[in-house]
């Protein structure tokens, strides 16, 4: 298997939009320093500002699993009930198209 892509969607509880965004953005720096991280970006929906998305590319499932065990991710996961109105939707993808250089 090649690179692993994870896309996670988070919906903020009423009044928690900014707090959720701050917590997600705080994950960017340390996550990008992890050995298997290829890409880690956070997006906020243009259609619904309460919806946030983490888009992640990892070299392997093992690298992603290690990421999920880091203290900062575990701390974030423990805050999800207070920040989000529902469990995050996490999807896994494998690239099927060729990568092009521009």
C-alpha atoms as a PDB file:
ATOM      1  CA  UNK A   1       0.000   0.000   0.000  1.00  0.00           C
ATOM      2  CA  UNK A   2       1.203   3.499  -0.832  1.00  0.00           C
ATOM      3  CA  UNK A   3       0.606   6.738   0.950  1.00  0.00           C
ATOM      4  CA  UNK A   4      -2.381   6.869   3.296  1.00  0.00           C
ATOM      5  CA  UNK A   5      -4.766   9.829   3.205  1.00  0.00           C
ATOM      6  CA  UNK A   6      -7.091  10.591   6.104  1.00  0.00           C
ATOM      7  CA  UNK A   7      -9.836  13.215   6.009  1.00  0.00           C
ATOM      8  CA  UNK A   8     -11.592  14.018   9.271  1.00  0.00           C
ATOM      9  CA  UNK A   9     -14.640  16.275   9.622  1.00  0.00           C
ATOM     10  CA  UNK A  10     -15.493  17.992  12.915  1.00  0.00           C
ATOM     11  CA  UNK A  11     -18.678  19.943  13.677  1.00  0.00           C
ATOM     12  CA  UNK A  12     -18.457  22.435  16.535  1.00  0.00           C
ATOM     13  CA  UNK A  13     -21.015  22.683  19.298  1.00  0.00           C
ATOM     14  CA  UNK A  14     -22.830  26.043  19.383  1.00  0.00           C
ATOM     15  CA  UNK A  15     -20.390  28.651  20.664  1.00  0.00           C
ATOM     16  CA  UNK A  16     -17.359  26.345  20.283  1.00  0.00           C
ATOM     17  CA  UNK A  17     -16.398  27.136  16.647  1.00  0.00           C
ATOM     18  CA  UNK A  18     -13.356  29.250  17.512  1.00  0.00           C
ATOM     19  CA  UNK A  19     -12.189  26.968  20.331  1.00  0.00           C
ATOM     20  CA  UNK A  20     -12.392  23.936  18.039  1.00  0.00           C
ATOM     21  CA  UNK A  21     -10.487  25.756  15.325  1.00  0.00           C
ATOM     22  CA  UNK A  22      -7.771  26.850  17.754  1.00  0.00           C
ATOM     23  CA  UNK A  23      -7.327  23.303  19.061  1.00  0.00           C
ATOM     24  CA  UNK A  24      -7.149  21.856  15.538  1.00  0.00           C
ATOM     25  CA  UNK A  25      -4.645  24.491  14.413  1.00  0.00           C
ATOM     26  CA  UNK A  26      -2.511  23.787  17.497  1.00  0.00           C
ATOM     27  CA  UNK A  27      -2.007  20.239  16.164  1.00  0.00           C
ATOM     28  CA  UNK A  28      -0.415  21.429  12.903  1.00  0.00           C
ATOM     29  CA  UNK A  29       3.087  22.299  14.124  1.00  0.00           C
ATOM     30  CA  UNK A  30       3.873  19.162  16.114  1.00  0.00           C
ATOM     31  CA  UNK A  31       2.141  16.868  13.623  1.00  0.00           C
ATOM     32  CA  UNK A  32       4.162  18.199  10.686  1.00  0.00           C
ATOM     33  CA  UNK A  33       7.317  17.329  12.643  1.00  0.00           C
ATOM     34  CA  UNK A  34       6.357  13.653  12.931  1.00  0.00           C
ATOM     35  CA  UNK A  35       8.540  11.322  10.829  1.00  0.00           C
ATOM     36  CA  UNK A  36       5.746   9.837   8.679  1.00  0.00           C
ATOM     37  CA  UNK A  37       3.771  13.027   8.061  1.00  0.00           C
ATOM     38  CA  UNK A  38       3.710  14.085   4.414  1.00  0.00           C
ATOM     39  CA  UNK A  39       0.914  16.655   4.674  1.00  0.00           C
ATOM     40  CA  UNK A  40      -1.266  17.962   7.491  1.00  0.00           C
ATOM     41  CA  UNK A  41      -3.664  20.830   6.824  1.00  0.00           C
ATOM     42  CA  UNK A  42      -6.718  22.228   8.574  1.00  0.00           C
ATOM     43  CA  UNK A  43      -9.669  23.710   6.683  1.00  0.00           C
ATOM     44  CA  UNK A  44     -12.804  25.551   7.773  1.00  0.00           C
ATOM     45  CA  UNK A  45     -15.927  25.136   5.645  1.00  0.00           C
ATOM     46  CA  UNK A  46     -16.979  28.116   3.549  1.00  0.00           C
ATOM     47  CA  UNK A  47     -20.553  26.806   3.629  1.00  0.00           C
ATOM     48  CA  UNK A  48     -20.862  26.216   7.363  1.00  0.00           C
ATOM     49  CA  UNK A  49     -18.292  27.886   9.624  1.00  0.00           C
ATOM     50  CA  UNK A  50     -18.922  25.335  12.389  1.00  0.00           C
ATOM     51  CA  UNK A  51     -17.459  22.559  10.213  1.00  0.00           C
ATOM     52  CA  UNK A  52     -13.711  21.961  10.217  1.00  0.00           C
ATOM     53  CA  UNK A  53     -11.642  19.422   8.318  1.00  0.00           C
ATOM     54  CA  UNK A  54      -8.219  17.868   8.848  1.00  0.00           C
ATOM     55  CA  UNK A  55      -6.600  16.634   5.613  1.00  0.00           C
ATOM     56  CA  UNK A  56      -3.652  14.330   6.262  1.00  0.00           C
ATOM     57  CA  UNK A  57      -1.208  12.334   4.150  1.00  0.00           C
ATOM     58  CA  UNK A  58       0.934   9.703   5.886  1.00  0.00           C
ATOM     59  CA  UNK A  59       3.670   7.431   4.547  1.00  0.00           C
ATOM     60  CA  UNK A  60       2.034   4.401   6.191  1.00  0.00           C
ATOM     61  CA  UNK A  61      -0.718   3.170   8.469  1.00  0.00           C
ATOM     62  CA  UNK A  62       1.916   2.621  11.145  1.00  0.00           C
ATOM     63  CA  UNK A  63       2.897   6.302  10.969  1.00  0.00           C
ATOM     64  CA  UNK A  64      -0.735   7.399  11.308  1.00  0.00           C
ATOM     65  CA  UNK A  65      -1.318   4.995  14.196  1.00  0.00           C
ATOM     66  CA  UNK A  66       1.726   6.447  15.950  1.00  0.00           C
ATOM     67  CA  UNK A  67       0.372   9.960  15.393  1.00  0.00           C
ATOM     68  CA  UNK A  68      -2.900   9.018  17.053  1.00  0.00           C
ATOM     69  CA  UNK A  69      -0.987   7.883  20.161  1.00  0.00           C
ATOM     70  CA  UNK A  70       0.945  11.124  20.666  1.00  0.00           C
ATOM     71  CA  UNK A  71       0.133  13.013  23.875  1.00  0.00           C
ATOM     72  CA  UNK A  72      -1.127  16.098  22.016  1.00  0.00           C
ATOM     73  CA  UNK A  73      -3.544  14.098  19.845  1.00  0.00           C
ATOM     74  CA  UNK A  74      -4.764  12.119  22.860  1.00  0.00           C
ATOM     75  CA  UNK A  75      -5.370  15.399  24.738  1.00  0.00           C
ATOM     76  CA  UNK A  76      -7.329  16.750  21.761  1.00  0.00           C
ATOM     77  CA  UNK A  77      -9.397  13.574  21.492  1.00  0.00           C
ATOM     78  CA  UNK A  78     -10.298  13.893  25.180  1.00  0.00           C
ATOM     79  CA  UNK A  79     -11.729  17.379  24.488  1.00  0.00           C
ATOM     80  CA  UNK A  80     -13.934  16.380  21.541  1.00  0.00           C
ATOM     81  CA  UNK A  81     -17.130  15.876  23.552  1.00  0.00           C
ATOM     82  CA  UNK A  82     -16.927  19.451  24.836  1.00  0.00           C
ATOM     83  CA  UNK A  83     -16.009  20.934  21.439  1.00  0.00           C
ATOM     84  CA  UNK A  84     -18.058  18.914  18.947  1.00  0.00           C
ATOM     85  CA  UNK A  85     -21.777  18.208  18.696  1.00  0.00           C
ATOM     86  CA  UNK A  86     -21.153  14.759  17.168  1.00  0.00           C
ATOM     87  CA  UNK A  87     -18.337  12.264  16.736  1.00  0.00           C
ATOM     88  CA  UNK A  88     -15.886  13.230  14.001  1.00  0.00           C
ATOM     89  CA  UNK A  89     -16.334  11.583  10.627  1.00  0.00           C
ATOM     90  CA  UNK A  90     -12.983  10.085   9.645  1.00  0.00           C
ATOM     91  CA  UNK A  91     -12.443   8.667   6.170  1.00  0.00           C
ATOM     92  CA  UNK A  92      -9.455   6.836   4.699  1.00  0.00           C
ATOM     93  CA  UNK A  93      -8.429   7.203   1.068  1.00  0.00           C
ATOM     94  CA  UNK A  94      -5.777   5.779  -1.260  1.00  0.00           C
ATOM     95  CA  UNK A  95      -4.690   7.864  -4.235  1.00  0.00           C
ATOM     96  CA  UNK A  96      -5.582   6.298  -7.584  1.00  0.00           C
ATOM     97  CA  UNK A  97      -4.482   9.076  -9.958  1.00  0.00           C
ATOM     98  CA  UNK A  98      -0.935   9.870 -10.998  1.00  0.00           C
ATOM     99  CA  UNK A  99       0.830  12.730  -9.238  1.00  0.00           C
ATOM    100  CA  UNK A 100       1.855  15.536 -11.588  1.00  0.00           C
ATOM    101  CA  UNK A 101       4.534  18.142 -11.105  1.00  0.00           C
ATOM    102  CA  UNK A 102       3.657  21.753 -11.919  1.00  0.00           C
END
